[in-house]
Amino acid sequence: MDILTTTLWTLLVITSCLIIILVLMHRGRGGGIADMFGGGIASGINATGSGERNLDRITWGVVIVFGMVIILLGLITKYWS
């Protein structure tokens, strides 16, 4: 059980970092911190419609994996500790 717990904790750290990176890569929609520091101009040039959709899909996939890992760690902690 220790190997599974260690693997899940490692996966949790990796997905947490990926979520932070992926959310920061999204284009600013206006009125937020991204526009305050000039991020709206740079992200508007770099992001296309299909690129933004793919980034959304990847982000949601990572978030789903993150949620599943949290649930599994909770179940392991409750029933096998």
PDB file of N, CA and C in Angstrom:
ATOM      1  N   MET A   1       0.814  -1.188   0.000  1.00  0.00           N
ATOM      2  CA  MET A   1       0.000   0.000   0.000  1.00  0.00           C
ATOM      3  C   MET A   1       0.862   1.259   0.000  1.00  0.00           C
ATOM      4  N   ASP A   2       2.083   1.148   0.511  1.00  0.00           N
ATOM      5  CA  ASP A   2       2.971   2.307   0.550  1.00  0.00           C
ATOM      6  C   ASP A   2       3.366   2.761  -0.848  1.00  0.00           C
ATOM      7  N   ILE A   3       3.548   1.820  -1.748  1.00  0.00           N
ATOM      8  CA  ILE A   3       3.928   2.176  -3.122  1.00  0.00           C
ATOM      9  C   ILE A   3       2.795   2.932  -3.801  1.00  0.00           C
ATOM     10  N   LEU A   4       1.557   2.478  -3.596  1.00  0.00           N
ATOM     11  CA  LEU A   4       0.397   3.145  -4.177  1.00  0.00           C
ATOM     12  C   LEU A   4       0.242   4.553  -3.612  1.00  0.00           C
ATOM     13  N   THR A   5       0.393   4.697  -2.314  1.00  0.00           N
ATOM     14  CA  THR A   5       0.273   6.007  -1.676  1.00  0.00           C
ATOM     15  C   THR A   5       1.354   6.957  -2.174  1.00  0.00           C
ATOM     16  N   THR A   6       2.572   6.477  -2.265  1.00  0.00           N
ATOM     17  CA  THR A   6       3.672   7.305  -2.758  1.00  0.00           C
ATOM     18  C   THR A   6       3.447   7.713  -4.206  1.00  0.00           C
ATOM     19  N   THR A   7       2.966   6.785  -5.017  1.00  0.00           N
ATOM     20  CA  THR A   7       2.684   7.085  -6.418  1.00  0.00           C
ATOM     21  C   THR A   7       1.585   8.135  -6.540  1.00  0.00           C
ATOM     22  N   LEU A   8       0.546   7.988  -5.733  1.00  0.00           N
ATOM     23  CA  LEU A   8      -0.550   8.962  -5.787  1.00  0.00           C
ATOM     24  C   LEU A   8      -0.110  10.342  -5.309  1.00  0.00           C
ATOM     25  N   TRP A   9       0.711  10.400  -4.264  1.00  0.00           N
ATOM     26  CA  TRP A   9       1.211  11.700  -3.802  1.00  0.00           C
ATOM     27  C   TRP A   9       2.098  12.353  -4.857  1.00  0.00           C
ATOM     28  N   THR A  10       2.917  11.549  -5.534  1.00  0.00           N
ATOM     29  CA  THR A  10       3.758  12.086  -6.603  1.00  0.00           C
ATOM     30  C   THR A  10       2.900  12.605  -7.750  1.00  0.00           C
ATOM     31  N   LEU A  11       1.884  11.843  -8.116  1.00  0.00           N
ATOM     32  CA  LEU A  11       0.970  12.267  -9.172  1.00  0.00           C
ATOM     33  C   LEU A  11       0.217  13.531  -8.774  1.00  0.00           C
ATOM     34  N   LEU A  12      -0.107  13.652  -7.495  1.00  0.00           N
ATOM     35  CA  LEU A  12      -0.790  14.854  -7.008  1.00  0.00           C
ATOM     36  C   LEU A  12       0.091  16.091  -7.152  1.00  0.00           C
ATOM     37  N   VAL A  13       1.362  15.965  -6.813  1.00  0.00           N
ATOM     38  CA  VAL A  13       2.284  17.102  -6.940  1.00  0.00           C
ATOM     39  C   VAL A  13       2.466  17.481  -8.412  1.00  0.00           C
ATOM     40  N   ILE A  14       2.618  16.475  -9.271  1.00  0.00           N
ATOM     41  CA  ILE A  14       2.809  16.741 -10.701  1.00  0.00           C
ATOM     42  C   ILE A  14       1.577  17.410 -11.299  1.00  0.00           C
ATOM     43  N   THR A  15       0.383  16.888 -10.988  1.00  0.00           N
ATOM     44  CA  THR A  15      -0.823  17.492 -11.556  1.00  0.00           C
ATOM     45  C   THR A  15      -1.071  18.889 -10.982  1.00  0.00           C
ATOM     46  N   SER A  16      -0.707  19.111  -9.728  1.00  0.00           N
ATOM     47  CA  SER A  16      -0.849  20.450  -9.149  1.00  0.00           C
ATOM     48  C   SER A  16       0.008  21.463  -9.895  1.00  0.00           C
ATOM     49  N   CYS A  17       1.242  21.100 -10.153  1.00  0.00           N
ATOM     50  CA  CYS A  17       2.135  21.997 -10.904  1.00  0.00           C
ATOM     51  C   CYS A  17       1.637  22.205 -12.330  1.00  0.00           C
ATOM     52  N   LEU A  18       1.156  21.134 -12.949  1.00  0.00           N
ATOM     53  CA  LEU A  18       0.623  21.262 -14.311  1.00  0.00           C
ATOM     54  C   LEU A  18      -0.600  22.170 -14.366  1.00  0.00           C
ATOM     55  N   ILE A  19      -1.473  22.076 -13.381  1.00  0.00           N
ATOM     56  CA  ILE A  19      -2.650  22.947 -13.354  1.00  0.00           C
ATOM     57  C   ILE A  19      -2.231  24.405 -13.250  1.00  0.00           C
ATOM     58  N   ILE A  20      -1.275  24.696 -12.396  1.00  0.00           N
ATOM     59  CA  ILE A  20      -0.794  26.073 -12.259  1.00  0.00           C
ATOM     60  C   ILE A  20      -0.238  26.575 -13.586  1.00  0.00           C
ATOM     61  N   ILE A  21       0.587  25.776 -14.230  1.00  0.00           N
ATOM     62  CA  ILE A  21       1.195  26.179 -15.502  1.00  0.00           C
ATOM     63  C   ILE A  21       0.137  26.352 -16.581  1.00  0.00           C
ATOM     64  N   LEU A  22      -0.787  25.409 -16.691  1.00  0.00           N
ATOM     65  CA  LEU A  22      -1.803  25.473 -17.737  1.00  0.00           C
ATOM     66  C   LEU A  22      -2.751  26.644 -17.543  1.00  0.00           C
ATOM     67  N   VAL A  23      -3.131  26.936 -16.314  1.00  0.00           N
ATOM     68  CA  VAL A  23      -4.020  28.070 -16.066  1.00  0.00           C
ATOM     69  C   VAL A  23      -3.316  29.377 -16.396  1.00  0.00           C
ATOM     70  N   LEU A  24      -2.042  29.465 -16.067  1.00  0.00           N
ATOM     71  CA  LEU A  24      -1.308  30.679 -16.395  1.00  0.00           C
ATOM     72  C   LEU A  24      -1.093  30.859 -17.894  1.00  0.00           C
ATOM     73  N   MET A  25      -1.148  29.774 -18.657  1.00  0.00           N
ATOM     74  CA  MET A  25      -0.976  29.861 -20.105  1.00  0.00           C
ATOM     75  C   MET A  25      -2.237  30.342 -20.813  1.00  0.00           C
ATOM     76  N   HIS A  26      -3.401  30.290 -20.147  1.00  0.00           N
ATOM     77  CA  HIS A  26      -4.638  30.702 -20.783  1.00  0.00           C
ATOM     78  C   HIS A  26      -4.627  32.199 -21.086  1.00  0.00           C
ATOM     79  N   ARG A  27      -5.350  32.536 -22.108  1.00  0.00           N
ATOM     80  CA  ARG A  27      -5.449  33.926 -22.532  1.00  0.00           C
ATOM     81  C   ARG A  27      -6.333  34.684 -21.549  1.00  0.00           C
ATOM     82  N   GLY A  28      -5.909  35.904 -21.232  1.00  0.00           N
ATOM     83  CA  GLY A  28      -6.703  36.748 -20.355  1.00  0.00           C
ATOM     84  C   GLY A  28      -7.968  37.210 -21.066  1.00  0.00           C
ATOM     85  N   ARG A  29      -9.076  37.228 -20.368  1.00  0.00           N
ATOM     86  CA  ARG A  29     -10.353  37.616 -20.963  1.00  0.00           C
ATOM     87  C   ARG A  29     -10.651  39.102 -20.757  1.00  0.00           C
ATOM     88  N   GLY A  30      -9.765  39.820 -20.138  1.00  0.00           N
ATOM     89  CA  GLY A  30      -9.957  41.251 -19.949  1.00  0.00           C
ATOM     90  C   GLY A  30     -10.341  41.588 -18.528  1.00  0.00           C
ATOM     91  N   GLY A  31      -9.814  42.701 -18.054  1.00  0.00           N
ATOM     92  CA  GLY A  31     -10.169  43.180 -16.734  1.00  0.00           C
ATOM     93  C   GLY A  31      -9.479  42.475 -15.592  1.00  0.00           C
ATOM     94  N   GLY A  32      -8.569  41.587 -15.865  1.00  0.00           N
ATOM     95  CA  GLY A  32      -7.911  40.850 -14.788  1.00  0.00           C
ATOM     96  C   GLY A  32      -6.455  41.245 -14.636  1.00  0.00           C
ATOM     97  N   ILE A  33      -5.751  40.441 -13.906  1.00  0.00           N
ATOM     98  CA  ILE A  33      -4.341  40.704 -13.653  1.00  0.00           C
ATOM     99  C   ILE A  33      -3.522  40.594 -14.943  1.00  0.00           C
ATOM    100  N   ALA A  34      -3.955  39.722 -15.855  1.00  0.00           N
ATOM    101  CA  ALA A  34      -3.218  39.549 -17.108  1.00  0.00           C
ATOM    102  C   ALA A  34      -3.167  40.856 -17.891  1.00  0.00           C
ATOM    103  N   ASP A  35      -4.249  41.612 -17.916  1.00  0.00           N
ATOM    104  CA  ASP A  35      -4.260  42.886 -18.631  1.00  0.00           C
ATOM    105  C   ASP A  35      -3.470  43.961 -17.903  1.00  0.00           C
ATOM    106  N   MET A  36      -3.429  43.873 -16.592  1.00  0.00           N
ATOM    107  CA  MET A  36      -2.726  44.884 -15.822  1.00  0.00           C
ATOM    108  C   MET A  36      -1.230  44.890 -16.155  1.00  0.00           C
ATOM    109  N   PHE A  37      -0.680  43.722 -16.403  1.00  0.00           N
ATOM    110  CA  PHE A  37       0.742  43.617 -16.689  1.00  0.00           C
ATOM    111  C   PHE A  37       1.033  43.440 -18.171  1.00  0.00           C
ATOM    112  N   GLY A  38       0.068  43.702 -19.026  1.00  0.00           N
ATOM    113  CA  GLY A  38       0.283  43.604 -20.461  1.00  0.00           C
ATOM    114  C   GLY A  38       0.128  42.218 -21.016  1.00  0.00           C
ATOM    115  N   GLY A  39      -0.399  41.272 -20.248  1.00  0.00           N
ATOM    116  CA  GLY A  39      -0.564  39.897 -20.703  1.00  0.00           C
ATOM    117  C   GLY A  39      -1.631  39.742 -21.759  1.00  0.00           C
ATOM    118  N   GLY A  40      -2.586  40.664 -21.795  1.00  0.00           N
ATOM    119  CA  GLY A  40      -3.656  40.570 -22.771  1.00  0.00           C
ATOM    120  C   GLY A  40      -3.164  40.726 -24.196  1.00  0.00           C
ATOM    121  N   ILE A  41      -2.193  41.597 -24.399  1.00  0.00           N
ATOM    122  CA  ILE A  41      -1.646  41.819 -25.735  1.00  0.00           C
ATOM    123  C   ILE A  41      -0.810  40.624 -26.176  1.00  0.00           C
ATOM    124  N   ALA A  42       0.049  40.147 -25.316  1.00  0.00           N
ATOM    125  CA  ALA A  42       0.936  39.038 -25.675  1.00  0.00           C
ATOM    126  C   ALA A  42       0.151  37.751 -25.878  1.00  0.00           C
ATOM    127  N   SER A  43      -0.817  37.498 -25.029  1.00  0.00           N
ATOM    128  CA  SER A  43      -1.552  36.250 -25.175  1.00  0.00           C
ATOM    129  C   SER A  43      -2.501  36.309 -26.362  1.00  0.00           C
ATOM    130  N   GLY A  44      -2.957  37.484 -26.729  1.00  0.00           N
ATOM    131  CA  GLY A  44      -3.808  37.611 -27.906  1.00  0.00           C
ATOM    132  C   GLY A  44      -3.062  37.293 -29.184  1.00  0.00           C
ATOM    133  N   ILE A  45      -1.786  37.582 -29.208  1.00  0.00           N
ATOM    134  CA  ILE A  45      -0.973  37.286 -30.387  1.00  0.00           C
ATOM    135  C   ILE A  45      -0.647  35.797 -30.447  1.00  0.00           C
ATOM    136  N   ASN A  46      -0.344  35.202 -29.304  1.00  0.00           N
ATOM    137  CA  ASN A  46       0.125  33.817 -29.272  1.00  0.00           C
ATOM    138  C   ASN A  46      -0.987  32.781 -29.366  1.00  0.00           C
ATOM    139  N   ALA A  47      -2.179  33.101 -28.876  1.00  0.00           N
ATOM    140  CA  ALA A  47      -3.223  32.081 -28.778  1.00  0.00           C
ATOM    141  C   ALA A  47      -4.205  32.183 -29.938  1.00  0.00           C
ATOM    142  N   THR A  48      -4.443  31.073 -30.603  1.00  0.00           N
ATOM    143  CA  THR A  48      -5.461  31.003 -31.634  1.00  0.00           C
ATOM    144  C   THR A  48      -6.695  30.336 -31.055  1.00  0.00           C
ATOM    145  N   GLY A  49      -7.784  30.332 -31.811  1.00  0.00           N
ATOM    146  CA  GLY A  49      -9.014  29.701 -31.328  1.00  0.00           C
ATOM    147  C   GLY A  49      -8.846  28.225 -31.073  1.00  0.00           C
ATOM    148  N   SER A  50      -8.236  27.510 -32.022  1.00  0.00           N
ATOM    149  CA  SER A  50      -8.063  26.068 -31.832  1.00  0.00           C
ATOM    150  C   SER A  50      -7.015  25.776 -30.766  1.00  0.00           C
ATOM    151  N   GLY A  51      -5.991  26.615 -30.674  1.00  0.00           N
ATOM    152  CA  GLY A  51      -4.985  26.428 -29.625  1.00  0.00           C
ATOM    153  C   GLY A  51      -5.569  26.613 -28.248  1.00  0.00           C
ATOM    154  N   GLU A  52      -6.452  27.597 -28.119  1.00  0.00           N
ATOM    155  CA  GLU A  52      -7.103  27.835 -26.827  1.00  0.00           C
ATOM    156  C   GLU A  52      -8.040  26.690 -26.460  1.00  0.00           C
ATOM    157  N   ARG A  53      -8.753  26.159 -27.443  1.00  0.00           N
ATOM    158  CA  ARG A  53      -9.640  25.011 -27.184  1.00  0.00           C
ATOM    159  C   ARG A  53      -8.838  23.788 -26.748  1.00  0.00           C
ATOM    160  N   ASN A  54      -7.731  23.539 -27.417  1.00  0.00           N
ATOM    161  CA  ASN A  54      -6.884  22.399 -27.027  1.00  0.00           C
ATOM    162  C   ASN A  54      -6.310  22.594 -25.631  1.00  0.00           C
ATOM    163  N   LEU A  55      -5.920  23.812 -25.319  1.00  0.00           N
ATOM    164  CA  LEU A  55      -5.409  24.104 -23.984  1.00  0.00           C
ATOM    165  C   LEU A  55      -6.499  23.892 -22.935  1.00  0.00           C
ATOM    166  N   ASP A  56      -7.742  24.262 -23.270  1.00  0.00           N
ATOM    167  CA  ASP A  56      -8.870  24.011 -22.368  1.00  0.00           C
ATOM    168  C   ASP A  56      -9.063  22.520 -22.135  1.00  0.00           C
ATOM    169  N   ARG A  57      -9.003  21.739 -23.188  1.00  0.00           N
ATOM    170  CA  ARG A  57      -9.190  20.285 -23.062  1.00  0.00           C
ATOM    171  C   ARG A  57      -8.096  19.652 -22.218  1.00  0.00           C
ATOM    172  N   ILE A  58      -6.872  20.066 -22.457  1.00  0.00           N
ATOM    173  CA  ILE A  58      -5.751  19.524 -21.682  1.00  0.00           C
ATOM    174  C   ILE A  58      -5.901  19.900 -20.212  1.00  0.00           C
ATOM    175  N   THR A  59      -6.278  21.158 -19.960  1.00  0.00           N
ATOM    176  CA  THR A  59      -6.451  21.619 -18.588  1.00  0.00           C
ATOM    177  C   THR A  59      -7.542  20.829 -17.875  1.00  0.00           C
ATOM    178  N   TRP A  60      -8.680  20.622 -18.542  1.00  0.00           N
ATOM    179  CA  TRP A  60      -9.764  19.853 -17.930  1.00  0.00           C
ATOM    180  C   TRP A  60      -9.347  18.410 -17.691  1.00  0.00           C
ATOM    181  N   GLY A  61      -8.578  17.825 -18.591  1.00  0.00           N
ATOM    182  CA  GLY A  61      -8.088  16.459 -18.390  1.00  0.00           C
ATOM    183  C   GLY A  61      -7.208  16.355 -17.156  1.00  0.00           C
ATOM    184  N   VAL A  62      -6.311  17.328 -16.994  1.00  0.00           N
ATOM    185  CA  VAL A  62      -5.419  17.323 -15.826  1.00  0.00           C
ATOM    186  C   VAL A  62      -6.227  17.550 -14.550  1.00  0.00           C
ATOM    187  N   VAL A  63      -7.231  18.425 -14.611  1.00  0.00           N
ATOM    188  CA  VAL A  63      -8.066  18.681 -13.430  1.00  0.00           C
ATOM    189  C   VAL A  63      -8.849  17.428 -13.032  1.00  0.00           C
ATOM    190  N   ILE A  64      -9.342  16.675 -14.008  1.00  0.00           N
ATOM    191  CA  ILE A  64     -10.062  15.439 -13.704  1.00  0.00           C
ATOM    192  C   ILE A  64      -9.133  14.417 -13.046  1.00  0.00           C
ATOM    193  N   VAL A  65      -7.918  14.284 -13.573  1.00  0.00           N
ATOM    194  CA  VAL A  65      -6.939  13.372 -12.957  1.00  0.00           C
ATOM    195  C   VAL A  65      -6.618  13.831 -11.539  1.00  0.00           C
ATOM    196  N   PHE A  66      -6.452  15.137 -11.349  1.00  0.00           N
ATOM    197  CA  PHE A  66      -6.189  15.703 -10.026  1.00  0.00           C
ATOM    198  C   PHE A  66      -7.311  15.343  -9.055  1.00  0.00           C
ATOM    199  N   GLY A  67      -8.547  15.516  -9.478  1.00  0.00           N
ATOM    200  CA  GLY A  67      -9.690  15.187  -8.623  1.00  0.00           C
ATOM    201  C   GLY A  67      -9.753  13.712  -8.275  1.00  0.00           C
ATOM    202  N   MET A  68      -9.470  12.859  -9.254  1.00  0.00           N
ATOM    203  CA  MET A  68      -9.483  11.424  -9.000  1.00  0.00           C
ATOM    204  C   MET A  68      -8.403  11.031  -7.996  1.00  0.00           C
ATOM    205  N   VAL A  69      -7.239  11.639  -8.107  1.00  0.00           N
ATOM    206  CA  VAL A  69      -6.145  11.342  -7.174  1.00  0.00           C
ATOM    207  C   VAL A  69      -6.528  11.775  -5.757  1.00  0.00           C
ATOM    208  N   ILE A  70      -7.160  12.948  -5.634  1.00  0.00           N
ATOM    209  CA  ILE A  70      -7.595  13.425  -4.322  1.00  0.00           C
ATOM    210  C   ILE A  70      -8.592  12.437  -3.697  1.00  0.00           C
ATOM    211  N   ILE A  71      -9.555  11.981  -4.498  1.00  0.00           N
ATOM    212  CA  ILE A  71     -10.555  11.031  -3.993  1.00  0.00           C
ATOM    213  C   ILE A  71      -9.894   9.717  -3.585  1.00  0.00           C
ATOM    214  N   LEU A  72      -8.996   9.201  -4.425  1.00  0.00           N
ATOM    215  CA  LEU A  72      -8.317   7.951  -4.083  1.00  0.00           C
ATOM    216  C   LEU A  72      -7.477   8.079  -2.821  1.00  0.00           C
ATOM    217  N   LEU A  73      -6.772   9.188  -2.665  1.00  0.00           N
ATOM    218  CA  LEU A  73      -5.982   9.388  -1.449  1.00  0.00           C
ATOM    219  C   LEU A  73      -6.885   9.473  -0.218  1.00  0.00           C
ATOM    220  N   GLY A  74      -8.038  10.112  -0.372  1.00  0.00           N
ATOM    221  CA  GLY A  74      -8.984  10.174   0.739  1.00  0.00           C
ATOM    222  C   GLY A  74      -9.511   8.811   1.123  1.00  0.00           C
ATOM    223  N   LEU A  75      -9.847   7.985   0.124  1.00  0.00           N
ATOM    224  CA  LEU A  75     -10.340   6.630   0.405  1.00  0.00           C
ATOM    225  C   LEU A  75      -9.265   5.767   1.051  1.00  0.00           C
ATOM    226  N   ILE A  76      -8.050   5.878   0.549  1.00  0.00           N
ATOM    227  CA  ILE A  76      -6.942   5.095   1.138  1.00  0.00           C
ATOM    228  C   ILE A  76      -6.706   5.519   2.579  1.00  0.00           C
ATOM    229  N   THR A  77      -6.741   6.815   2.832  1.00  0.00           N
ATOM    230  CA  THR A  77      -6.526   7.298   4.190  1.00  0.00           C
ATOM    231  C   THR A  77      -7.623   6.836   5.138  1.00  0.00           C
ATOM    232  N   LYS A  78      -8.860   6.829   4.655  1.00  0.00           N
ATOM    233  CA  LYS A  78      -9.987   6.473   5.515  1.00  0.00           C
ATOM    234  C   LYS A  78     -10.056   4.974   5.795  1.00  0.00           C
ATOM    235  N   TYR A  79      -9.850   4.150   4.777  1.00  0.00           N
ATOM    236  CA  TYR A  79     -10.109   2.727   4.935  1.00  0.00           C
ATOM    237  C   TYR A  79      -8.882   1.865   5.172  1.00  0.00           C
ATOM    238  N   TRP A  80      -7.702   2.312   4.807  1.00  0.00           N
ATOM    239  CA  TRP A  80      -6.522   1.452   4.938  1.00  0.00           C
ATOM    240  C   TRP A  80      -5.444   2.013   5.836  1.00  0.00           C
ATOM    241  N   SER A  81      -5.780   3.013   6.630  1.00  0.00           N
ATOM    242  CA  SER A  81      -4.768   3.550   7.542  1.00  0.00           C
ATOM    243  C   SER A  81      -4.937   3.015   8.932  1.00  0.00           C
TER     244      SER A  81
END
